[in-house]
C-alpha atoms as a PDB file:
ATOM      1  CA  MET A   1     -84.901 121.863 -14.966  1.00  0.00           C
ATOM      2  CA  LEU A   2     -82.238 120.677 -17.373  1.00  0.00           C
ATOM      3  CA  VAL A   3     -81.195 122.394 -20.590  1.00  0.00           C
ATOM      4  CA  CYS A   4     -79.021 121.532 -23.570  1.00  0.00           C
ATOM      5  CA  ILE A   5     -77.012 123.966 -25.678  1.00  0.00           C
ATOM      6  CA  ARG A   6     -76.910 123.588 -29.475  1.00  0.00           C
ATOM      7  CA  ASN A   7     -74.183 125.150 -31.630  1.00  0.00           C
ATOM      8  CA  LEU A   8     -75.855 126.693 -34.693  1.00  0.00           C
ATOM      9  CA  THR A   9     -72.663 127.763 -36.464  1.00  0.00           C
ATOM     10  CA  GLN A  10     -70.162 125.983 -38.698  1.00  0.00           C
ATOM     11  CA  ARG A  11     -67.339 126.688 -36.236  1.00  0.00           C
ATOM     12  CA  PRO A  12     -66.453 125.318 -32.802  1.00  0.00           C
ATOM     13  CA  VAL A  13     -67.841 127.340 -29.882  1.00  0.00           C
ATOM     14  CA  ILE A  14     -66.652 127.506 -26.268  1.00  0.00           C
ATOM     15  CA  VAL A  15     -69.392 128.366 -23.764  1.00  0.00           C
ATOM     16  CA  ARG A  16     -68.481 129.409 -20.187  1.00  0.00           C
ATOM     17  CA  CYS A  17     -71.003 128.288 -17.577  1.00  0.00           C
ATOM     18  CA  ASN A  18     -71.707 130.082 -14.291  1.00  0.00           C
ATOM     19  CA  SER A  19     -69.732 127.469 -12.327  1.00  0.00           C
ATOM     20  CA  GLY A  20     -66.587 128.176 -14.356  1.00  0.00           C
ATOM     21  CA  GLU A  21     -66.871 125.051 -16.500  1.00  0.00           C
ATOM     22  CA  ALA A  22     -66.451 125.429 -20.239  1.00  0.00           C
ATOM     23  CA  LEU A  23     -68.429 123.532 -22.858  1.00  0.00           C
ATOM     24  CA  HIS A  24     -66.606 122.935 -26.136  1.00  0.00           C
ATOM     25  CA  LEU A  25     -69.228 122.448 -28.844  1.00  0.00           C
ATOM     26  CA  ALA A  26     -68.352 121.252 -32.327  1.00  0.00           C
ATOM     27  CA  PRO A  27     -70.452 122.599 -35.243  1.00  0.00           C
ATOM     28  CA  GLY A  28     -74.071 121.459 -34.986  1.00  0.00           C
ATOM     29  CA  ILE A  29     -73.525 119.485 -31.771  1.00  0.00           C
ATOM     30  CA  VAL A  30     -75.850 119.502 -28.755  1.00  0.00           C
ATOM     31  CA  SER A  31     -74.329 119.424 -25.271  1.00  0.00           C
ATOM     32  CA  ALA A  32     -75.267 116.978 -22.548  1.00  0.00           C
ATOM     33  CA  ALA A  33     -78.070 118.024 -20.211  1.00  0.00           C
ATOM     34  CA  ILE A  34     -76.894 120.624 -17.690  1.00  0.00           C
ATOM     35  CA  PRO A  35     -78.781 122.393 -14.885  1.00  0.00           C
ATOM     36  CA  ASP A  36     -80.365 125.682 -15.933  1.00  0.00           C
ATOM     37  CA  ALA A  37     -78.498 127.404 -13.064  1.00  0.00           C
ATOM     38  CA  GLU A  38     -75.363 127.058 -15.208  1.00  0.00           C
ATOM     39  CA  VAL A  39     -76.787 129.379 -17.886  1.00  0.00           C
ATOM     40  CA  ARG A  40     -79.207 131.614 -15.944  1.00  0.00           C
ATOM     41  CA  ASP A  41     -78.272 135.337 -15.843  1.00  0.00           C
ATOM     42  CA  ASN A  42     -75.067 134.757 -17.833  1.00  0.00           C
ATOM     43  CA  PRO A  43     -74.343 137.796 -20.057  1.00  0.00           C
ATOM     44  CA  LYS A  44     -71.980 135.891 -22.365  1.00  0.00           C
ATOM     45  CA  ILE A  45     -74.559 133.192 -23.046  1.00  0.00           C
ATOM     46  CA  ARG A  46     -77.232 135.870 -23.668  1.00  0.00           C
ATOM     47  CA  LYS A  47     -74.860 137.524 -26.164  1.00  0.00           C
ATOM     48  CA  LEU A  48     -74.269 134.222 -28.003  1.00  0.00           C
ATOM     49  CA  ILE A  49     -78.035 133.611 -28.150  1.00  0.00           C
ATOM     50  CA  SER A  50     -78.731 137.118 -29.484  1.00  0.00           C
ATOM     51  CA  ARG A  51     -76.133 136.604 -32.236  1.00  0.00           C
ATOM     52  CA  CYS A  52     -77.717 133.233 -33.185  1.00  0.00           C
ATOM     53  CA  VAL A  53     -74.553 131.333 -32.324  1.00  0.00           C
ATOM     54  CA  ILE A  54     -76.204 128.985 -29.804  1.00  0.00           C
ATOM     55  CA  VAL A  55     -79.719 128.083 -28.737  1.00  0.00           C
ATOM     56  CA  LEU A  56     -80.938 126.692 -25.403  1.00  0.00           C
ATOM     57  CA  GLN A  57     -83.223 123.658 -25.541  1.00  0.00           C
ATOM     58  CA  GLU A  58     -85.137 122.015 -22.738  1.00  0.00           C
ATOM     59  CA  ALA A  59     -83.639 118.585 -22.061  1.00  0.00           C
ATOM     60  CA  GLU A  60     -85.885 115.567 -22.325  1.00  0.00           C
ATOM     61  CA  VAL A  61     -86.036 113.696 -19.037  1.00  0.00           C
ATOM     62  CA  THR A  62     -86.556 109.967 -19.480  1.00  0.00           C
ATOM     63  CA  ALA A  63     -86.934 107.252 -16.889  1.00  0.00           C
ATOM     64  CA  PRO A  64     -84.128 104.680 -16.767  1.00  0.00           C
ATOM     65  CA  THR A  65     -85.056 101.524 -18.678  1.00  0.00           C
ATOM     66  CA  GLY A  66     -82.628  99.203 -16.958  1.00  0.00           C
ATOM     67  CA  LYS A  67     -80.628  98.539 -20.100  1.00  0.00           C
ATOM     68  CA  ALA A  68     -76.892  98.873 -19.640  1.00  0.00           C
ATOM     69  CA  LYS A  69     -75.972 100.727 -22.813  1.00  0.00           C
ATOM     70  CA  ARG A  70     -77.630 101.114 -26.177  1.00  0.00           C
ATOM     71  CA  GLU A  71     -75.354 100.533 -29.112  1.00  0.00           C
ATOM     72  CA  MET A  72     -75.654 102.827 -32.082  1.00  0.00           C
ATOM     73  CA  PRO A  73     -74.415 101.942 -35.541  1.00  0.00           C
ATOM     74  CA  LYS A  74     -70.953 103.412 -36.073  1.00  0.00           C
ATOM     75  CA  GLU A  75     -72.028 105.642 -38.951  1.00  0.00           C
ATOM     76  CA  LYS A  76     -74.663 107.390 -36.792  1.00  0.00           C
ATOM     77  CA  LYS A  77     -72.458 108.308 -33.820  1.00  0.00           C
ATOM     78  CA  LYS A  78     -71.884 112.033 -33.359  1.00  0.00           C
ATOM     79  CA  ALA A  79     -69.105 113.839 -31.602  1.00  0.00           C
ATOM     80  CA  LYS A  80     -69.935 114.791 -28.031  1.00  0.00           C
ATOM     81  CA  ALA A  81     -69.395 118.116 -26.352  1.00  0.00           C
ATOM     82  CA  THR A  82     -66.627 118.097 -23.768  1.00  0.00           C
ATOM     83  CA  ARG A  83     -66.654 119.872 -20.427  1.00  0.00           C
ATOM     84  CA  TYR A  84     -63.570 121.403 -18.835  1.00  0.00           C
ATOM     85  CA  ARG A  85     -63.159 122.958 -15.422  1.00  0.00           C
ATOM     86  CA  LYS A  86     -61.229 126.178 -15.104  1.00  0.00           C
END
């Protein structure tokens, strides 16, 4: 199962995953889909959820359509979350 993490605050948030990777989430941004093993039994993520800083969402799994890349109008592009390894 894949999950996404959404930042609910107006400040940037850094989320440490179980593998040691860190997700840097800008305000209101949703991360890319990550395996649920990255967030399962993680006390820091539970603490952020209990304080309403982040929320976990189930990722939507879609079948590939064969299109190379969909272009979005420039005004609708959002910043993406970045992942760093420790």
